[in-house]
PDB file of N, CA and C in Angstrom:
ATOM      1  N   UNK A   1     -27.240  -3.546  50.448  1.00  0.00           N
ATOM      2  CA  UNK A   1     -27.476  -4.958  50.702  1.00  0.00           C
ATOM      3  C   UNK A   1     -26.312  -5.510  51.533  1.00  0.00           C
ATOM      4  N   UNK A   2     -26.622  -6.403  52.470  1.00  0.00           N
ATOM      5  CA  UNK A   2     -25.617  -6.983  53.342  1.00  0.00           C
ATOM      6  C   UNK A   2     -24.748  -7.970  52.575  1.00  0.00           C
ATOM      7  N   UNK A   3     -23.511  -8.084  53.018  1.00  0.00           N
ATOM      8  CA  UNK A   3     -22.572  -9.017  52.413  1.00  0.00           C
ATOM      9  C   UNK A   3     -22.299 -10.146  53.402  1.00  0.00           C
ATOM     10  N   UNK A   4     -22.352 -11.377  52.923  1.00  0.00           N
ATOM     11  CA  UNK A   4     -22.070 -12.531  53.754  1.00  0.00           C
ATOM     12  C   UNK A   4     -20.977 -13.356  53.112  1.00  0.00           C
ATOM     13  N   UNK A   5     -20.245 -14.103  53.953  1.00  0.00           N
ATOM     14  CA  UNK A   5     -19.192 -14.987  53.450  1.00  0.00           C
ATOM     15  C   UNK A   5     -19.757 -16.306  52.951  1.00  0.00           C
ATOM     16  N   UNK A   6     -21.021 -16.575  53.249  1.00  0.00           N
ATOM     17  CA  UNK A   6     -21.650 -17.839  52.871  1.00  0.00           C
ATOM     18  C   UNK A   6     -22.544 -17.614  51.657  1.00  0.00           C
ATOM     19  N   UNK A   7     -22.401 -18.489  50.666  1.00  0.00           N
ATOM     20  CA  UNK A   7     -23.173 -18.379  49.431  1.00  0.00           C
ATOM     21  C   UNK A   7     -23.966 -19.661  49.195  1.00  0.00           C
ATOM     22  N   UNK A   8     -24.916 -19.575  48.292  1.00  0.00           N
ATOM     23  CA  UNK A   8     -25.710 -20.745  47.903  1.00  0.00           C
ATOM     24  C   UNK A   8     -24.765 -21.807  47.327  1.00  0.00           C
ATOM     25  N   UNK A   9     -24.942 -23.050  47.750  1.00  0.00           N
ATOM     26  CA  UNK A   9     -24.109 -24.144  47.256  1.00  0.00           C
ATOM     27  C   UNK A   9     -22.925 -24.479  48.151  1.00  0.00           C
ATOM     28  N   UNK A  10     -22.596 -23.617  49.125  1.00  0.00           N
ATOM     29  CA  UNK A  10     -21.496 -23.896  50.047  1.00  0.00           C
ATOM     30  C   UNK A  10     -21.877 -25.003  51.017  1.00  0.00           C
ATOM     31  N   UNK A  11     -20.872 -25.719  51.511  1.00  0.00           N
ATOM     32  CA  UNK A  11     -21.090 -26.698  52.569  1.00  0.00           C
ATOM     33  C   UNK A  11     -20.795 -26.016  53.894  1.00  0.00           C
ATOM     34  N   UNK A  12     -21.732 -26.140  54.841  1.00  0.00           N
ATOM     35  CA  UNK A  12     -21.578 -25.456  56.128  1.00  0.00           C
ATOM     36  C   UNK A  12     -21.736 -26.439  57.287  1.00  0.00           C
ATOM     37  N   UNK A  13     -21.211 -26.029  58.447  1.00  0.00           N
ATOM     38  CA  UNK A  13     -21.296 -26.777  59.699  1.00  0.00           C
ATOM     39  C   UNK A  13     -22.197 -25.983  60.637  1.00  0.00           C
ATOM     40  N   UNK A  14     -23.183 -26.637  61.248  1.00  0.00           N
ATOM     41  CA  UNK A  14     -24.089 -25.970  62.183  1.00  0.00           C
ATOM     42  C   UNK A  14     -23.452 -26.008  63.567  1.00  0.00           C
ATOM     43  N   UNK A  15     -23.186 -24.818  64.155  1.00  0.00           N
ATOM     44  CA  UNK A  15     -22.480 -24.763  65.434  1.00  0.00           C
ATOM     45  C   UNK A  15     -23.373 -24.405  66.617  1.00  0.00           C
ATOM     46  N   UNK A  16     -24.692 -24.291  66.411  1.00  0.00           N
ATOM     47  CA  UNK A  16     -25.597 -23.987  67.516  1.00  0.00           C
ATOM     48  C   UNK A  16     -27.003 -24.464  67.178  1.00  0.00           C
ATOM     49  N   UNK A  17     -27.798 -24.704  68.223  1.00  0.00           N
ATOM     50  CA  UNK A  17     -29.191 -25.094  68.025  1.00  0.00           C
ATOM     51  C   UNK A  17     -29.409 -26.589  68.123  1.00  0.00           C
ATOM     52  N   UNK A  18     -30.625 -27.016  67.808  1.00  0.00           N
ATOM     53  CA  UNK A  18     -30.994 -28.439  67.904  1.00  0.00           C
ATOM     54  C   UNK A  18     -30.195 -29.322  66.958  1.00  0.00           C
ATOM     55  N   UNK A  19     -29.749 -28.777  65.828  1.00  0.00           N
ATOM     56  CA  UNK A  19     -29.016 -29.560  64.831  1.00  0.00           C
ATOM     57  C   UNK A  19     -27.507 -29.330  64.908  1.00  0.00           C
ATOM     58  N   UNK A  20     -27.019 -28.944  66.085  1.00  0.00           N
ATOM     59  CA  UNK A  20     -25.592 -28.676  66.271  1.00  0.00           C
ATOM     60  C   UNK A  20     -24.768 -29.899  65.893  1.00  0.00           C
ATOM     61  N   UNK A  21     -23.707 -29.680  65.101  1.00  0.00           N
ATOM     62  CA  UNK A  21     -22.823 -30.766  64.686  1.00  0.00           C
ATOM     63  C   UNK A  21     -23.123 -31.307  63.303  1.00  0.00           C
ATOM     64  N   UNK A  22     -24.266 -30.959  62.745  1.00  0.00           N
ATOM     65  CA  UNK A  22     -24.616 -31.435  61.407  1.00  0.00           C
ATOM     66  C   UNK A  22     -23.950 -30.576  60.340  1.00  0.00           C
ATOM     67  N   UNK A  23     -23.789 -31.157  59.157  1.00  0.00           N
ATOM     68  CA  UNK A  23     -23.291 -30.410  58.016  1.00  0.00           C
ATOM     69  C   UNK A  23     -24.301 -30.528  56.890  1.00  0.00           C
ATOM     70  N   UNK A  24     -24.278 -29.569  55.980  1.00  0.00           N
ATOM     71  CA  UNK A  24     -25.194 -29.620  54.852  1.00  0.00           C
ATOM     72  C   UNK A  24     -24.879 -28.539  53.843  1.00  0.00           C
ATOM     73  N   UNK A  25     -25.542 -28.633  52.712  1.00  0.00           N
ATOM     74  CA  UNK A  25     -25.353 -27.689  51.618  1.00  0.00           C
ATOM     75  C   UNK A  25     -26.357 -26.548  51.757  1.00  0.00           C
ATOM     76  N   UNK A  26     -25.910 -25.324  51.498  1.00  0.00           N
ATOM     77  CA  UNK A  26     -26.785 -24.158  51.589  1.00  0.00           C
ATOM     78  C   UNK A  26     -27.699 -24.134  50.369  1.00  0.00           C
ATOM     79  N   UNK A  27     -29.017 -24.143  50.621  1.00  0.00           N
ATOM     80  CA  UNK A  27     -29.997 -24.112  49.543  1.00  0.00           C
ATOM     81  C   UNK A  27     -30.345 -22.683  49.149  1.00  0.00           C
ATOM     82  N   UNK A  28     -30.382 -21.771  50.126  1.00  0.00           N
ATOM     83  CA  UNK A  28     -30.640 -20.361  49.830  1.00  0.00           C
ATOM     84  C   UNK A  28     -30.148 -19.485  50.969  1.00  0.00           C
ATOM     85  N   UNK A  29     -29.862 -18.221  50.638  1.00  0.00           N
ATOM     86  CA  UNK A  29     -29.442 -17.222  51.611  1.00  0.00           C
ATOM     87  C   UNK A  29     -30.482 -16.114  51.605  1.00  0.00           C
ATOM     88  N   UNK A  30     -31.083 -15.844  52.770  1.00  0.00           N
ATOM     89  CA  UNK A  30     -32.087 -14.791  52.912  1.00  0.00           C
ATOM     90  C   UNK A  30     -31.391 -13.566  53.505  1.00  0.00           C
ATOM     91  N   UNK A  31     -30.865 -12.710  52.628  1.00  0.00           N
ATOM     92  CA  UNK A  31     -30.050 -11.579  53.064  1.00  0.00           C
ATOM     93  C   UNK A  31     -30.796 -10.582  53.935  1.00  0.00           C
ATOM     94  N   UNK A  32     -32.053 -10.318  53.623  1.00  0.00           N
ATOM     95  CA  UNK A  32     -32.800  -9.325  54.383  1.00  0.00           C
ATOM     96  C   UNK A  32     -33.093  -9.769  55.811  1.00  0.00           C
ATOM     97  N   UNK A  33     -33.109 -11.083  56.059  1.00  0.00           N
ATOM     98  CA  UNK A  33     -33.407 -11.611  57.397  1.00  0.00           C
ATOM     99  C   UNK A  33     -32.186 -12.209  58.091  1.00  0.00           C
ATOM    100  N   UNK A  34     -30.998 -12.165  57.470  1.00  0.00           N
ATOM    101  CA  UNK A  34     -29.757 -12.730  58.017  1.00  0.00           C
ATOM    102  C   UNK A  34     -29.887 -14.230  58.291  1.00  0.00           C
ATOM    103  N   UNK A  35     -30.526 -14.961  57.379  1.00  0.00           N
ATOM    104  CA  UNK A  35     -30.770 -16.380  57.587  1.00  0.00           C
ATOM    105  C   UNK A  35     -30.359 -17.198  56.366  1.00  0.00           C
ATOM    106  N   UNK A  36     -30.131 -18.494  56.598  1.00  0.00           N
ATOM    107  CA  UNK A  36     -29.810 -19.424  55.514  1.00  0.00           C
ATOM    108  C   UNK A  36     -30.675 -20.669  55.656  1.00  0.00           C
ATOM    109  N   UNK A  37     -30.960 -21.321  54.526  1.00  0.00           N
ATOM    110  CA  UNK A  37     -31.667 -22.598  54.520  1.00  0.00           C
ATOM    111  C   UNK A  37     -30.635 -23.653  54.161  1.00  0.00           C
ATOM    112  N   UNK A  38     -30.455 -24.635  55.071  1.00  0.00           N
ATOM    113  CA  UNK A  38     -29.439 -25.674  54.896  1.00  0.00           C
ATOM    114  C   UNK A  38     -30.133 -27.016  54.704  1.00  0.00           C
ATOM    115  N   UNK A  39     -29.646 -27.778  53.736  1.00  0.00           N
ATOM    116  CA  UNK A  39     -30.230 -29.075  53.387  1.00  0.00           C
ATOM    117  C   UNK A  39     -30.181 -30.051  54.567  1.00  0.00           C
ATOM    118  N   UNK A  40     -31.349 -30.568  54.969  1.00  0.00           N
ATOM    119  CA  UNK A  40     -31.425 -31.561  56.032  1.00  0.00           C
ATOM    120  C   UNK A  40     -31.317 -31.011  57.445  1.00  0.00           C
ATOM    121  N   UNK A  41     -31.344 -29.688  57.605  1.00  0.00           N
ATOM    122  CA  UNK A  41     -31.209 -29.069  58.923  1.00  0.00           C
ATOM    123  C   UNK A  41     -32.465 -28.259  59.241  1.00  0.00           C
ATOM    124  N   UNK A  42     -32.901 -28.304  60.505  1.00  0.00           N
ATOM    125  CA  UNK A  42     -34.075 -27.562  60.980  1.00  0.00           C
ATOM    126  C   UNK A  42     -35.331 -27.962  60.198  1.00  0.00           C
ATOM    127  N   UNK A  43     -35.589 -29.266  60.163  1.00  0.00           N
ATOM    128  CA  UNK A  43     -36.745 -29.789  59.440  1.00  0.00           C
ATOM    129  C   UNK A  43     -38.035 -29.485  60.204  1.00  0.00           C
ATOM    130  N   UNK A  44     -39.047 -29.004  59.489  1.00  0.00           N
ATOM    131  CA  UNK A  44     -40.355 -28.705  60.075  1.00  0.00           C
ATOM    132  C   UNK A  44     -41.431 -29.423  59.271  1.00  0.00           C
ATOM    133  N   UNK A  45     -42.583 -29.650  59.912  1.00  0.00           N
ATOM    134  CA  UNK A  45     -43.715 -30.282  59.240  1.00  0.00           C
ATOM    135  C   UNK A  45     -44.649 -29.196  58.754  1.00  0.00           C
ATOM    136  N   UNK A  46     -44.959 -29.212  57.469  1.00  0.00           N
ATOM    137  CA  UNK A  46     -45.858 -28.227  56.885  1.00  0.00           C
ATOM    138  C   UNK A  46     -47.114 -28.948  56.393  1.00  0.00           C
ATOM    139  N   UNK A  47     -48.259 -28.433  56.779  1.00  0.00           N
ATOM    140  CA  UNK A  47     -49.529 -29.015  56.355  1.00  0.00           C
ATOM    141  C   UNK A  47     -49.921 -28.389  55.021  1.00  0.00           C
ATOM    142  N   UNK A  48     -50.196 -29.231  54.015  1.00  0.00           N
ATOM    143  CA  UNK A  48     -50.546 -28.720  52.691  1.00  0.00           C
ATOM    144  C   UNK A  48     -51.936 -29.189  52.284  1.00  0.00           C
ATOM    145  N   UNK A  49     -52.658 -28.277  51.634  1.00  0.00           N
ATOM    146  CA  UNK A  49     -53.968 -28.618  51.095  1.00  0.00           C
ATOM    147  C   UNK A  49     -53.785 -29.376  49.792  1.00  0.00           C
ATOM    148  N   UNK A  50     -54.774 -30.175  49.418  1.00  0.00           N
ATOM    149  CA  UNK A  50     -54.694 -30.824  48.108  1.00  0.00           C
ATOM    150  C   UNK A  50     -54.686 -29.770  46.993  1.00  0.00           C
ATOM    151  N   UNK A  51     -53.830 -29.967  46.013  1.00  0.00           N
ATOM    152  CA  UNK A  51     -53.763 -29.085  44.843  1.00  0.00           C
ATOM    153  C   UNK A  51     -53.387 -29.918  43.624  1.00  0.00           C
ATOM    154  N   UNK A  52     -53.401 -29.322  42.443  1.00  0.00           N
ATOM    155  CA  UNK A  52     -53.071 -30.115  41.239  1.00  0.00           C
ATOM    156  C   UNK A  52     -51.705 -30.806  41.299  1.00  0.00           C
ATOM    157  N   UNK A  53     -50.727 -30.167  41.948  1.00  0.00           N
ATOM    158  CA  UNK A  53     -49.399 -30.765  42.063  1.00  0.00           C
ATOM    159  C   UNK A  53     -49.400 -31.952  43.025  1.00  0.00           C
ATOM    160  N   UNK A  54     -50.073 -31.769  44.170  1.00  0.00           N
ATOM    161  CA  UNK A  54     -50.163 -32.818  45.181  1.00  0.00           C
ATOM    162  C   UNK A  54     -51.632 -33.093  45.475  1.00  0.00           C
ATOM    163  N   UNK A  55     -52.271 -33.975  44.701  1.00  0.00           N
ATOM    164  CA  UNK A  55     -53.708 -34.197  44.856  1.00  0.00           C
ATOM    165  C   UNK A  55     -54.090 -34.766  46.227  1.00  0.00           C
ATOM    166  N   UNK A  56     -53.156 -35.442  46.888  1.00  0.00           N
ATOM    167  CA  UNK A  56     -53.447 -36.035  48.184  1.00  0.00           C
ATOM    168  C   UNK A  56     -53.391 -34.997  49.305  1.00  0.00           C
ATOM    169  N   UNK A  57     -52.494 -34.003  49.204  1.00  0.00           N
ATOM    170  CA  UNK A  57     -52.285 -33.064  50.304  1.00  0.00           C
ATOM    171  C   UNK A  57     -51.544 -33.763  51.427  1.00  0.00           C
ATOM    172  N   UNK A  58     -51.658 -33.280  52.656  1.00  0.00           N
ATOM    173  CA  UNK A  58     -51.068 -33.953  53.809  1.00  0.00           C
ATOM    174  C   UNK A  58     -49.951 -33.159  54.456  1.00  0.00           C
ATOM    175  N   UNK A  59     -49.108 -33.863  55.186  1.00  0.00           N
ATOM    176  CA  UNK A  59     -48.015 -33.244  55.937  1.00  0.00           C
ATOM    177  C   UNK A  59     -46.710 -33.475  55.184  1.00  0.00           C
ATOM    178  N   UNK A  60     -45.983 -32.390  54.939  1.00  0.00           N
ATOM    179  CA  UNK A  60     -44.723 -32.445  54.193  1.00  0.00           C
ATOM    180  C   UNK A  60     -43.602 -31.948  55.095  1.00  0.00           C
ATOM    181  N   UNK A  61     -42.482 -32.675  55.142  1.00  0.00           N
ATOM    182  CA  UNK A  61     -41.304 -32.233  55.893  1.00  0.00           C
ATOM    183  C   UNK A  61     -40.452 -31.375  54.970  1.00  0.00           C
ATOM    184  N   UNK A  62     -40.023 -30.210  55.482  1.00  0.00           N
ATOM    185  CA  UNK A  62     -39.154 -29.346  54.689  1.00  0.00           C
ATOM    186  C   UNK A  62     -38.229 -28.563  55.605  1.00  0.00           C
ATOM    187  N   UNK A  63     -37.162 -28.002  55.013  1.00  0.00           N
ATOM    188  CA  UNK A  63     -36.178 -27.257  55.770  1.00  0.00           C
ATOM    189  C   UNK A  63     -36.698 -25.854  56.084  1.00  0.00           C
ATOM    190  N   UNK A  64     -36.439 -25.386  57.300  1.00  0.00           N
ATOM    191  CA  UNK A  64     -36.717 -24.001  57.672  1.00  0.00           C
ATOM    192  C   UNK A  64     -35.373 -23.290  57.798  1.00  0.00           C
ATOM    193  N   UNK A  65     -35.404 -21.969  57.800  1.00  0.00           N
ATOM    194  CA  UNK A  65     -34.159 -21.202  57.846  1.00  0.00           C
ATOM    195  C   UNK A  65     -33.586 -21.167  59.258  1.00  0.00           C
ATOM    196  N   UNK A  66     -32.272 -20.980  59.342  1.00  0.00           N
ATOM    197  CA  UNK A  66     -31.601 -20.759  60.623  1.00  0.00           C
ATOM    198  C   UNK A  66     -30.746 -19.509  60.491  1.00  0.00           C
ATOM    199  N   UNK A  67     -30.421 -18.898  61.612  1.00  0.00           N
ATOM    200  CA  UNK A  67     -29.649 -17.652  61.573  1.00  0.00           C
ATOM    201  C   UNK A  67     -28.241 -17.925  61.054  1.00  0.00           C
ATOM    202  N   UNK A  68     -27.742 -16.984  60.269  1.00  0.00           N
ATOM    203  CA  UNK A  68     -26.441 -17.167  59.609  1.00  0.00           C
ATOM    204  C   UNK A  68     -25.291 -17.233  60.613  1.00  0.00           C
ATOM    205  N   UNK A  69     -25.486 -16.683  61.818  1.00  0.00           N
ATOM    206  CA  UNK A  69     -24.435 -16.736  62.838  1.00  0.00           C
ATOM    207  C   UNK A  69     -24.284 -18.135  63.419  1.00  0.00           C
ATOM    208  N   UNK A  70     -25.246 -19.017  63.173  1.00  0.00           N
ATOM    209  CA  UNK A  70     -25.199 -20.378  63.708  1.00  0.00           C
ATOM    210  C   UNK A  70     -24.554 -21.375  62.758  1.00  0.00           C
ATOM    211  N   UNK A  71     -23.959 -20.902  61.670  1.00  0.00           N
ATOM    212  CA  UNK A  71     -23.269 -21.796  60.735  1.00  0.00           C
ATOM    213  C   UNK A  71     -21.867 -21.292  60.452  1.00  0.00           C
ATOM    214  N   UNK A  72     -20.954 -22.230  60.182  1.00  0.00           N
ATOM    215  CA  UNK A  72     -19.584 -21.927  59.768  1.00  0.00           C
ATOM    216  C   UNK A  72     -19.324 -22.602  58.439  1.00  0.00           C
ATOM    217  N   UNK A  73     -18.561 -21.941  57.592  1.00  0.00           N
ATOM    218  CA  UNK A  73     -18.169 -22.511  56.315  1.00  0.00           C
ATOM    219  C   UNK A  73     -17.185 -23.655  56.548  1.00  0.00           C
ATOM    220  N   UNK A  74     -17.233 -24.683  55.695  1.00  0.00           N
ATOM    221  CA  UNK A  74     -16.307 -25.812  55.789  1.00  0.00           C
ATOM    222  C   UNK A  74     -15.151 -25.604  54.807  1.00  0.00           C
ATOM    223  N   UNK A  75     -13.937 -25.946  55.250  1.00  0.00           N
ATOM    224  CA  UNK A  75     -12.791 -25.848  54.353  1.00  0.00           C
ATOM    225  C   UNK A  75     -12.647 -27.147  53.569  1.00  0.00           C
ATOM    226  N   UNK A  76     -11.609 -27.246  52.750  1.00  0.00           N
ATOM    227  CA  UNK A  76     -11.408 -28.421  51.898  1.00  0.00           C
ATOM    228  C   UNK A  76     -11.171 -29.689  52.722  1.00  0.00           C
ATOM    229  N   UNK A  77     -10.631 -29.538  53.932  1.00  0.00           N
ATOM    230  CA  UNK A  77     -10.362 -30.687  54.796  1.00  0.00           C
ATOM    231  C   UNK A  77     -11.607 -31.152  55.539  1.00  0.00           C
ATOM    232  N   UNK A  78     -12.710 -30.414  55.419  1.00  0.00           N
ATOM    233  CA  UNK A  78     -13.952 -30.798  56.074  1.00  0.00           C
ATOM    234  C   UNK A  78     -14.066 -30.308  57.499  1.00  0.00           C
ATOM    235  N   UNK A  79     -13.336 -29.235  57.833  1.00  0.00           N
ATOM    236  CA  UNK A  79     -13.410 -28.665  59.174  1.00  0.00           C
ATOM    237  C   UNK A  79     -14.026 -27.271  59.096  1.00  0.00           C
ATOM    238  N   UNK A  80     -14.780 -26.872  60.137  1.00  0.00           N
ATOM    239  CA  UNK A  80     -15.353 -25.521  60.130  1.00  0.00           C
ATOM    240  C   UNK A  80     -14.251 -24.474  60.218  1.00  0.00           C
ATOM    241  N   UNK A  81     -14.442 -23.363  59.510  1.00  0.00           N
ATOM    242  CA  UNK A  81     -13.419 -22.331  59.461  1.00  0.00           C
ATOM    243  C   UNK A  81     -14.028 -20.947  59.371  1.00  0.00           C
ATOM    244  N   UNK A  82     -13.248 -19.959  59.766  1.00  0.00           N
ATOM    245  CA  UNK A  82     -13.625 -18.574  59.531  1.00  0.00           C
ATOM    246  C   UNK A  82     -13.119 -18.213  58.141  1.00  0.00           C
ATOM    247  N   UNK A  83     -13.559 -17.066  57.623  1.00  0.00           N
ATOM    248  CA  UNK A  83     -13.233 -16.692  56.250  1.00  0.00           C
ATOM    249  C   UNK A  83     -12.475 -15.378  56.223  1.00  0.00           C
ATOM    250  N   UNK A  84     -11.413 -15.355  55.414  1.00  0.00           N
ATOM    251  CA  UNK A  84     -10.668 -14.130  55.143  1.00  0.00           C
ATOM    252  C   UNK A  84     -10.840 -13.825  53.659  1.00  0.00           C
ATOM    253  N   UNK A  85     -10.528 -12.617  53.267  1.00  0.00           N
ATOM    254  CA  UNK A  85     -10.621 -12.225  51.860  1.00  0.00           C
ATOM    255  C   UNK A  85      -9.262 -11.762  51.373  1.00  0.00           C
ATOM    256  N   UNK A  86      -8.985 -12.061  50.110  1.00  0.00           N
ATOM    257  CA  UNK A  86      -7.713 -11.700  49.498  1.00  0.00           C
ATOM    258  C   UNK A  86      -7.957 -11.379  48.034  1.00  0.00           C
ATOM    259  N   UNK A  87      -7.193 -10.460  47.483  1.00  0.00           N
ATOM    260  CA  UNK A  87      -7.315 -10.137  46.065  1.00  0.00           C
ATOM    261  C   UNK A  87      -6.253 -10.924  45.303  1.00  0.00           C
ATOM    262  N   UNK A  88      -6.709 -11.792  44.394  1.00  0.00           N
ATOM    263  CA  UNK A  88      -5.812 -12.612  43.582  1.00  0.00           C
ATOM    264  C   UNK A  88      -6.150 -12.367  42.118  1.00  0.00           C
ATOM    265  N   UNK A  89      -5.166 -11.927  41.334  1.00  0.00           N
ATOM    266  CA  UNK A  89      -5.350 -11.629  39.912  1.00  0.00           C
ATOM    267  C   UNK A  89      -6.499 -10.647  39.679  1.00  0.00           C
ATOM    268  N   UNK A  90      -6.632  -9.658  40.551  1.00  0.00           N
ATOM    269  CA  UNK A  90      -7.663  -8.641  40.395  1.00  0.00           C
ATOM    270  C   UNK A  90      -9.046  -9.075  40.831  1.00  0.00           C
ATOM    271  N   UNK A  91      -9.173 -10.273  41.385  1.00  0.00           N
ATOM    272  CA  UNK A  91     -10.465 -10.777  41.864  1.00  0.00           C
ATOM    273  C   UNK A  91     -10.396 -10.995  43.367  1.00  0.00           C
ATOM    274  N   UNK A  92     -11.488 -10.657  44.062  1.00  0.00           N
ATOM    275  CA  UNK A  92     -11.579 -10.883  45.500  1.00  0.00           C
ATOM    276  C   UNK A  92     -12.015 -12.328  45.726  1.00  0.00           C
ATOM    277  N   UNK A  93     -11.222 -13.095  46.491  1.00  0.00           N
ATOM    278  CA  UNK A  93     -11.527 -14.500  46.740  1.00  0.00           C
ATOM    279  C   UNK A  93     -11.636 -14.749  48.236  1.00  0.00           C
ATOM    280  N   UNK A  94     -12.355 -15.816  48.592  1.00  0.00           N
ATOM    281  CA  UNK A  94     -12.488 -16.218  49.991  1.00  0.00           C
ATOM    282  C   UNK A  94     -11.379 -17.203  50.337  1.00  0.00           C
ATOM    283  N   UNK A  95     -10.757 -16.996  51.490  1.00  0.00           N
ATOM    284  CA  UNK A  95      -9.664 -17.838  51.957  1.00  0.00           C
ATOM    285  C   UNK A  95     -10.060 -18.458  53.295  1.00  0.00           C
ATOM    286  N   UNK A  96      -9.829 -19.766  53.464  1.00  0.00           N
ATOM    287  CA  UNK A  96     -10.100 -20.451  54.730  1.00  0.00           C
ATOM    288  C   UNK A  96      -8.988 -20.104  55.717  1.00  0.00           C
ATOM    289  N   UNK A  97      -9.349 -19.653  56.921  1.00  0.00           N
ATOM    290  CA  UNK A  97      -8.355 -19.278  57.920  1.00  0.00           C
ATOM    291  C   UNK A  97      -7.603 -20.483  58.459  1.00  0.00           C
ATOM    292  N   UNK A  98      -8.243 -21.668  58.483  1.00  0.00           N
ATOM    293  CA  UNK A  98      -7.583 -22.848  59.049  1.00  0.00           C
ATOM    294  C   UNK A  98      -6.455 -23.362  58.156  1.00  0.00           C
ATOM    295  N   UNK A  99      -6.674 -23.386  56.848  1.00  0.00           N
ATOM    296  CA  UNK A  99      -5.686 -23.950  55.928  1.00  0.00           C
ATOM    297  C   UNK A  99      -5.005 -22.917  55.061  1.00  0.00           C
ATOM    298  N   UNK A 100      -5.601 -21.755  54.878  1.00  0.00           N
ATOM    299  CA  UNK A 100      -5.039 -20.743  54.011  1.00  0.00           C
ATOM    300  C   UNK A 100      -5.348 -20.978  52.537  1.00  0.00           C
ATOM    301  N   UNK A 101      -6.168 -21.986  52.241  1.00  0.00           N
ATOM    302  CA  UNK A 101      -6.509 -22.296  50.854  1.00  0.00           C
ATOM    303  C   UNK A 101      -7.729 -21.505  50.399  1.00  0.00           C
ATOM    304  N   UNK A 102      -7.841 -21.341  49.099  1.00  0.00           N
ATOM    305  CA  UNK A 102      -8.988 -20.640  48.514  1.00  0.00           C
ATOM    306  C   UNK A 102     -10.237 -21.514  48.600  1.00  0.00           C
ATOM    307  N   UNK A 103     -11.364 -20.882  48.934  1.00  0.00           N
ATOM    308  CA  UNK A 103     -12.638 -21.601  48.992  1.00  0.00           C
ATOM    309  C   UNK A 103     -13.324 -21.452  47.651  1.00  0.00           C
ATOM    310  N   UNK A 104     -13.653 -22.562  47.034  1.00  0.00           N
ATOM    311  CA  UNK A 104     -14.280 -22.534  45.716  1.00  0.00           C
ATOM    312  C   UNK A 104     -15.773 -22.404  45.850  1.00  0.00           C
TER     313      UNK A 104
END
């Protein structure tokens, strides 16, 4: 399985595409396709049939995935950063290259 520096719940900066410059929280990581779903980014209209959950049906706006290479992790200062790894107390942790601080 592929390893990525970005995990579910991280805040990321979109550095390419129609939503360039936006930030958002990662909702899911699709490891097999090298993609992530980011909250409020790459919104698409999906047509839904009426069902018990949504008796009206209609058009629903939802997030679509974007390639993981088009996002950067945000550091504590709110700036996009690359990620380094370091072993601290026997655990591998992610370190922000811009500030040198641990990414939680």
